[in-house]
Amino acid sequence: MSILELFPTRMWLKISTRFCKIAFLGALVLFFLDIFSASSFAAVAAVSSSSSAVVCQPENSPGLYPDGHLFHKLLADPRQVQLMMSYYRLHGENMGDVALGHRWGMDRWSDRFGNQYQWDLEGMAYSRFQVGLDLNYLETIDYIANLPLEIRHGPYSGEIMLFHQSSHLGDGYIRQTGNLGFNFSVNGLRAVFSRNFWKILRVYGGGYYLLDVAPASLGRGSVQGGFELKSPEFHAPKIKRPLFAYLAEDIQSHQYNQWNINSNAVAGIGLISRRTGRVVRLQLGYFDGHSPYGQFYFEREHYANVALAFDL
C-alpha cells in the first residue's frame, strides 16, 4: 500500500475544502480592508520591512534579460510553467507527472508612476506516465506556450498573457487501449492579479477566455482564485541553507466543465540557495476536479501526490 493511500479520500477532501473556505474568506476580508483603509498600507509596509519571509522580490535590473520576475509563479496552479515531477495513485495505478518548463525574462522597464513591467517567453511540456516495474509508458502530454506581460506596483502584481495549449495521447496508451484521442488545441487570453500581505500571505484571482478552440464545442470562459501562505526563513540541524514552509490552494472553474470546481492544495518545504536564488521544493498535494490534461478534460479525478519542484 502506498503512503498516499493511508488516509481516506474523504478526509483529505474535507480538510482541503474546510481550510480553503476559512483561509480564502479571511484573505478576502483582509484584501477589502486594505482597499478601503488609507492607513493600512503604511502598517503593512512597516511590518513587511521587519519580516524575513520568503516572497517574490524582483531584482532591480531594468533592460534586456532581467534577473528575477515581477509576478511570482502560482505554487498550487497545476498548469503553472515549471520544472517538477510528482507521483500519485489514480484508478488503482501508479502514475507520474513530469513538467519540463521554464520562463525567460526578455525585457523590463518602468514608468514615472512607479509601475514596473516585464515581458517573458514561457514554454512547457507537461506529461503523465503510467509507472510500473516492467513498463513505464507515456499516457498523455500537453504542450504549452505563453507570452506573458508581468506588472508590479508595491505589493500588487499581475500577469496578462496570450497562451497556447495542445494535448496529445502517448503511443503506449494508444497501443494498450486503442483510443486514438481527438484534436485538442486552444488559444486564449489570461489575466491574474495578486496582493501580498506582510510577506506571508498572498491572495490572487483572475481567469481566461479562449479565443480559438478545438473541439469547437468547448466552452470558452474560466475563473481562478487562490491563496499562498509562506513562513519566514528558518534553519534545520545539519542543513546549511535556509528553509521555508508553505501552504497554498488554487481553485479553478471552467465553462467547458459546466463550471464545476477544480481544487488543488499543496503544502511543502523549500530549500533556498542564497548564491543563485534557486529553490528546491518538496511538497504534498491533493487534487480534486476534472483532469488538467486536455485529452481527459471531461474525466473527474481525485488523488493525493508527492512532488519535487525546482524554481530556477
Protein backbone atom coordinates (compact mmCIF):
# COMPACT_ATOMS: atom_id res chain seq x y z
CA MET A 1 0.00 0.00 0.00
CA SER A 2 1.28 3.47 -0.93
CA ILE A 3 1.82 6.09 1.78
CA LEU A 4 -0.57 8.33 -0.11
CA GLU A 5 -3.35 5.75 0.39
CA LEU A 6 -3.11 5.62 4.18
CA PHE A 7 -5.60 8.47 4.60
CA PRO A 8 -9.14 8.12 3.20
CA THR A 9 -10.02 10.32 0.24
CA ARG A 10 -12.99 11.83 2.06
CA MET A 11 -10.78 13.00 4.92
CA TRP A 12 -8.33 14.68 2.52
CA LEU A 13 -11.23 16.36 0.73
CA LYS A 14 -12.90 17.62 3.93
CA ILE A 15 -9.63 19.05 5.27
CA SER A 16 -8.80 20.75 1.99
CA THR A 17 -12.29 22.17 1.46
CA ARG A 18 -12.82 23.46 5.01
CA PHE A 19 -9.37 25.00 5.32
CA CYS A 20 -9.68 26.58 1.89
CA LYS A 21 -13.00 28.23 2.75
CA ILE A 22 -11.74 29.64 6.06
CA ALA A 23 -8.38 30.87 4.76
CA PHE A 24 -9.73 32.21 1.47
CA LEU A 25 -12.57 34.12 3.11
CA GLY A 26 -10.16 35.53 5.68
CA ALA A 27 -7.80 36.62 2.93
CA LEU A 28 -10.63 38.35 1.06
CA VAL A 29 -11.59 40.25 4.21
CA LEU A 30 -8.01 41.47 4.56
CA PHE A 31 -7.96 42.42 0.89
CA PHE A 32 -11.07 44.63 1.11
CA LEU A 33 -9.96 46.15 4.41
CA ASP A 34 -6.72 47.10 2.70
CA ILE A 35 -8.54 48.74 -0.21
CA PHE A 36 -10.88 50.86 1.93
CA SER A 37 -8.41 51.79 4.66
CA ALA A 38 -5.91 54.52 3.81
CA SER A 39 -3.75 53.74 6.82
CA SER A 40 -3.44 50.00 6.20
CA PHE A 41 -0.77 50.33 3.51
CA ALA A 42 1.59 52.09 5.91
CA ALA A 43 1.02 49.42 8.55
CA VAL A 44 1.69 46.64 6.06
CA ALA A 45 4.87 48.32 4.87
CA ALA A 46 6.13 48.70 8.44
CA VAL A 47 5.53 45.05 9.25
CA SER A 48 6.99 43.91 5.92
CA SER A 49 10.26 45.78 6.48
CA SER A 50 10.96 43.74 9.63
CA SER A 51 9.92 40.35 8.22
CA SER A 52 12.27 37.83 6.68
CA ALA A 53 9.57 35.78 4.98
CA VAL A 54 10.31 34.39 1.56
CA VAL A 55 8.32 36.05 -1.24
CA CYS A 56 8.93 37.18 -4.79
CA GLN A 57 11.35 40.12 -4.63
CA PRO A 58 12.05 41.46 -8.13
CA GLU A 59 15.64 42.35 -8.89
CA ASN A 60 16.39 45.97 -9.72
CA SER A 61 17.73 45.20 -13.18
CA PRO A 62 15.79 47.00 -15.91
CA GLY A 63 16.64 46.37 -19.53
CA LEU A 64 17.16 43.26 -21.61
CA TYR A 65 17.22 39.80 -19.98
CA PRO A 66 16.44 40.97 -16.41
CA ASP A 67 17.10 38.94 -13.26
CA GLY A 68 14.09 37.62 -11.37
CA HIS A 69 10.41 38.19 -12.09
CA LEU A 70 7.74 40.68 -11.06
CA PHE A 71 4.92 38.12 -10.74
CA HIS A 72 5.83 35.02 -8.73
CA LYS A 73 4.65 31.67 -10.11
CA LEU A 74 1.47 30.28 -8.54
CA LEU A 75 2.56 27.41 -6.30
CA ALA A 76 -0.69 25.42 -6.46
CA ASP A 77 -1.69 26.01 -10.09
CA PRO A 78 -1.32 22.63 -11.87
CA ARG A 79 -0.57 24.35 -15.16
CA GLN A 80 1.99 26.87 -13.94
CA VAL A 81 5.09 26.71 -16.16
CA GLN A 82 7.73 24.99 -14.03
CA LEU A 83 10.22 22.15 -13.63
CA MET A 84 8.60 19.46 -11.47
CA MET A 85 7.96 15.72 -11.06
CA SER A 86 5.24 14.05 -8.98
CA TYR A 87 3.91 10.60 -8.05
CA TYR A 88 0.36 9.54 -7.18
CA ARG A 89 -2.16 6.70 -7.40
CA LEU A 90 -5.05 7.08 -9.84
CA HIS A 91 -7.68 4.43 -10.66
CA GLY A 92 -5.55 1.81 -8.90
CA GLU A 93 -2.45 2.57 -11.00
CA ASN A 94 0.90 4.19 -10.16
CA MET A 95 1.13 7.45 -12.08
CA GLY A 96 3.83 10.08 -12.52
CA ASP A 97 3.66 13.64 -13.88
CA VAL A 98 6.70 15.38 -15.34
CA ALA A 99 6.66 19.11 -16.11
CA LEU A 100 9.59 20.39 -18.18
CA GLY A 101 9.14 24.14 -18.43
CA HIS A 102 10.90 27.44 -17.97
CA ARG A 103 10.23 31.18 -18.06
CA TRP A 104 12.67 33.57 -19.74
CA GLY A 105 12.65 37.27 -18.86
CA MET A 106 13.20 39.28 -22.05
CA ASP A 107 12.88 42.96 -21.12
CA ARG A 108 11.94 45.12 -18.10
CA TRP A 109 11.04 48.79 -17.83
CA SER A 110 9.20 51.19 -15.52
CA ASP A 111 7.06 54.32 -15.78
CA ARG A 112 7.01 57.60 -13.86
CA PHE A 113 4.25 56.29 -11.54
CA GLY A 114 6.49 53.58 -10.08
CA ASN A 115 4.97 50.69 -12.03
CA GLN A 116 7.30 48.00 -13.34
CA TYR A 117 6.70 45.92 -16.43
CA GLN A 118 8.37 42.83 -17.86
CA TRP A 119 7.60 40.64 -20.82
CA ASP A 120 8.65 37.00 -20.98
CA LEU A 121 8.63 33.85 -23.04
CA GLU A 122 7.35 30.61 -21.45
CA GLY A 123 7.22 27.04 -22.65
CA MET A 124 6.43 23.68 -21.05
CA ALA A 125 5.85 20.03 -21.88
CA TYR A 126 3.52 18.54 -19.23
CA SER A 127 3.27 14.74 -19.36
CA ARG A 128 1.68 11.85 -17.48
CA PHE A 129 3.25 8.38 -17.31
CA GLN A 130 1.94 5.10 -16.00
CA VAL A 131 4.70 3.82 -13.73
CA GLY A 132 5.28 0.07 -13.34
CA LEU A 133 8.00 -2.44 -12.59
CA ASP A 134 8.01 -3.86 -16.11
CA LEU A 135 6.81 -0.97 -18.26
CA ASN A 136 6.62 2.81 -17.98
CA TYR A 137 4.56 4.23 -20.83
CA LEU A 138 3.51 7.74 -21.77
CA GLU A 139 -0.22 8.27 -21.35
CA THR A 140 -0.58 11.87 -22.48
CA ILE A 141 1.42 15.04 -23.00
CA ASP A 142 0.33 18.68 -23.23
CA TYR A 143 2.43 21.41 -24.86
CA ILE A 144 2.09 24.93 -23.51
CA ALA A 145 3.47 28.21 -24.91
CA ASN A 146 2.85 31.60 -23.27
CA LEU A 147 3.67 35.23 -24.00
CA PRO A 148 3.19 36.99 -20.61
CA LEU A 149 3.42 40.61 -19.55
CA GLU A 150 4.23 40.96 -15.83
CA ILE A 151 3.23 44.06 -13.85
CA ARG A 152 4.13 45.14 -10.31
CA HIS A 153 3.43 48.14 -8.10
CA GLY A 154 4.49 47.64 -4.49
CA PRO A 155 2.60 44.66 -3.04
CA TYR A 156 0.35 44.41 -6.10
CA SER A 157 1.35 42.30 -9.09
CA GLY A 158 -0.27 40.78 -12.13
CA GLU A 159 0.26 38.84 -15.30
CA ILE A 160 -1.54 39.20 -18.63
CA MET A 161 -0.72 36.69 -21.35
CA LEU A 162 -1.56 35.18 -24.67
CA PHE A 163 -1.29 31.39 -24.43
CA HIS A 164 -1.49 28.20 -26.46
CA GLN A 165 -2.12 24.63 -25.27
CA SER A 166 -2.36 21.43 -27.27
CA SER A 167 -2.87 17.90 -25.91
CA HIS A 168 -1.80 14.53 -27.34
CA LEU A 169 -2.05 10.87 -26.33
CA GLY A 170 1.13 8.81 -25.89
CA ASP A 171 1.98 5.88 -28.17
CA GLY A 172 1.99 3.43 -25.24
CA TYR A 173 -1.51 4.45 -24.20
CA ILE A 174 -2.80 4.17 -27.77
CA ARG A 175 -1.34 0.68 -28.21
CA GLN A 176 -2.79 -0.54 -24.92
CA THR A 177 -6.28 0.97 -25.24
CA GLY A 178 -6.82 1.51 -28.95
CA ASN A 179 -8.04 5.04 -28.13
CA LEU A 180 -6.76 7.46 -30.77
CA GLY A 181 -7.93 10.56 -28.87
CA PHE A 182 -9.13 13.75 -30.54
CA ASN A 183 -7.79 17.11 -31.65
CA PHE A 184 -7.42 19.36 -28.57
CA SER A 185 -5.88 22.77 -29.21
CA VAL A 186 -6.77 26.13 -27.65
CA ASN A 187 -5.50 29.70 -27.82
CA GLY A 188 -6.58 32.31 -25.31
CA LEU A 189 -6.04 35.43 -23.23
CA ARG A 190 -5.40 35.06 -19.49
CA ALA A 191 -5.10 37.61 -16.67
CA VAL A 192 -4.27 37.01 -12.98
CA PHE A 193 -3.68 39.66 -10.29
CA SER A 194 -2.37 39.21 -6.75
CA ARG A 195 -1.83 41.12 -3.49
CA ASN A 196 0.85 40.39 -0.89
CA PHE A 197 0.19 40.93 2.83
CA TRP A 198 3.09 41.18 5.30
CA LYS A 199 5.29 38.99 3.05
CA ILE A 200 3.45 35.98 4.49
CA LEU A 201 0.08 35.88 2.72
CA ARG A 202 -0.69 36.23 -0.96
CA VAL A 203 -4.20 36.32 -2.46
CA TYR A 204 -4.86 36.15 -6.19
CA GLY A 205 -7.69 35.94 -8.70
CA GLY A 206 -8.35 36.11 -12.42
CA GLY A 207 -9.39 33.97 -15.35
CA TYR A 208 -9.09 33.46 -19.06
CA TYR A 209 -11.09 33.49 -22.27
CA LEU A 210 -10.41 31.09 -25.14
CA LEU A 211 -10.15 32.85 -28.50
CA ASP A 212 -9.79 29.72 -30.63
CA VAL A 213 -10.84 26.18 -29.62
CA ALA A 214 -10.76 22.62 -30.91
CA PRO A 215 -13.08 20.82 -30.45
CA ALA A 216 -15.47 23.62 -31.36
CA SER A 217 -17.91 22.63 -28.59
CA LEU A 218 -15.54 23.71 -25.79
CA GLY A 219 -16.82 26.46 -23.51
CA ARG A 220 -14.53 29.47 -23.58
CA GLY A 221 -14.68 31.05 -20.12
CA SER A 222 -12.76 30.28 -16.91
CA VAL A 223 -12.23 31.86 -13.49
CA GLN A 224 -9.44 31.25 -10.96
CA GLY A 225 -8.59 32.22 -7.40
CA GLY A 226 -6.41 31.12 -4.53
CA PHE A 227 -4.03 31.97 -1.71
CA GLU A 228 -0.47 31.20 -0.58
CA LEU A 229 0.97 31.23 2.93
CA LYS A 230 4.76 31.29 3.40
CA SER A 231 6.72 31.16 6.64
CA PRO A 232 9.78 33.26 7.50
CA GLU A 233 13.08 31.57 6.77
CA PHE A 234 14.41 29.12 9.35
CA HIS A 235 17.30 26.69 9.74
CA ALA A 236 17.28 22.96 10.49
CA PRO A 237 20.11 20.93 12.10
CA LYS A 238 22.81 19.80 9.65
CA ILE A 239 21.24 21.80 6.80
CA LYS A 240 23.38 24.81 5.91
CA ARG A 241 20.94 26.55 3.61
CA PRO A 242 17.80 28.36 4.84
CA LEU A 243 14.38 26.76 4.59
CA PHE A 244 10.79 27.98 4.43
CA ALA A 245 7.42 26.24 4.72
CA TYR A 246 4.39 26.99 2.59
CA LEU A 247 0.72 26.15 2.14
CA ALA A 248 -1.26 27.04 -0.98
CA GLU A 249 -4.66 26.42 -2.53
CA ASP A 250 -5.72 27.00 -6.15
CA ILE A 251 -9.37 26.91 -7.26
CA GLN A 252 -10.47 26.98 -10.89
CA SER A 253 -13.83 26.75 -12.63
CA HIS A 254 -14.12 26.17 -16.39
CA GLN A 255 -17.12 26.66 -18.62
CA TYR A 256 -16.25 23.53 -20.62
CA ASN A 257 -16.73 21.51 -17.40
CA GLN A 258 -20.10 23.19 -16.59
CA TRP A 259 -18.30 25.48 -14.10
CA ASN A 260 -17.51 22.61 -11.70
CA ILE A 261 -14.75 23.36 -9.19
CA ASN A 262 -11.16 22.13 -9.58
CA SER A 263 -9.27 22.32 -6.27
CA ASN A 264 -5.54 21.76 -5.80
CA ALA A 265 -3.99 22.11 -2.31
CA VAL A 266 -0.25 21.82 -1.65
CA ALA A 267 1.98 22.04 1.44
CA GLY A 268 5.74 21.73 1.49
CA ILE A 269 9.25 22.84 2.39
CA GLY A 270 11.60 24.93 0.24
CA LEU A 271 15.41 24.90 0.34
CA ILE A 272 16.98 28.21 -0.75
CA SER A 273 20.32 28.85 -2.44
CA ARG A 274 21.48 32.34 -1.47
CA ARG A 275 24.13 32.46 -4.17
CA THR A 276 21.89 31.65 -7.13
CA GLY A 277 18.40 32.41 -5.79
CA ARG A 278 17.23 28.95 -6.81
CA VAL A 279 14.81 26.95 -4.67
CA VAL A 280 14.16 23.21 -4.40
CA ARG A 281 10.70 22.34 -3.03
CA LEU A 282 9.37 19.06 -1.65
CA GLN A 283 5.59 19.07 -1.30
CA LEU A 284 2.47 17.01 -0.66
CA GLY A 285 -0.72 17.81 -2.52
CA TYR A 286 -4.32 16.86 -3.07
CA PHE A 287 -6.20 17.41 -6.35
CA ASP A 288 -9.96 17.11 -6.80
CA GLY A 289 -11.66 18.08 -10.03
CA HIS A 290 -11.58 17.49 -13.76
CA SER A 291 -8.27 16.42 -15.26
CA PRO A 292 -5.93 19.30 -16.23
CA TYR A 293 -4.85 17.26 -19.27
CA GLY A 294 -6.68 18.28 -22.45
CA GLN A 295 -7.27 14.72 -23.68
CA PHE A 296 -9.04 13.89 -20.39
CA TYR A 297 -10.66 17.25 -19.54
CA PHE A 298 -14.08 15.56 -19.17
CA GLU A 299 -12.86 12.99 -16.60
CA ARG A 300 -13.24 13.57 -12.85
CA GLU A 301 -10.10 12.80 -10.81
CA HIS A 302 -9.05 12.98 -7.16
CA TYR A 303 -5.72 11.91 -5.73
CA ALA A 304 -3.01 12.79 -3.22
CA ASN A 305 0.52 13.22 -4.58
CA VAL A 306 4.10 13.90 -3.58
CA ALA A 307 6.19 16.21 -5.76
CA LEU A 308 9.68 17.62 -6.19
CA ALA A 309 9.95 21.05 -7.86
CA PHE A 310 12.85 23.25 -8.92
CA ASP A 311 12.46 27.04 -9.07
CA LEU A 312 15.30 28.21 -11.32
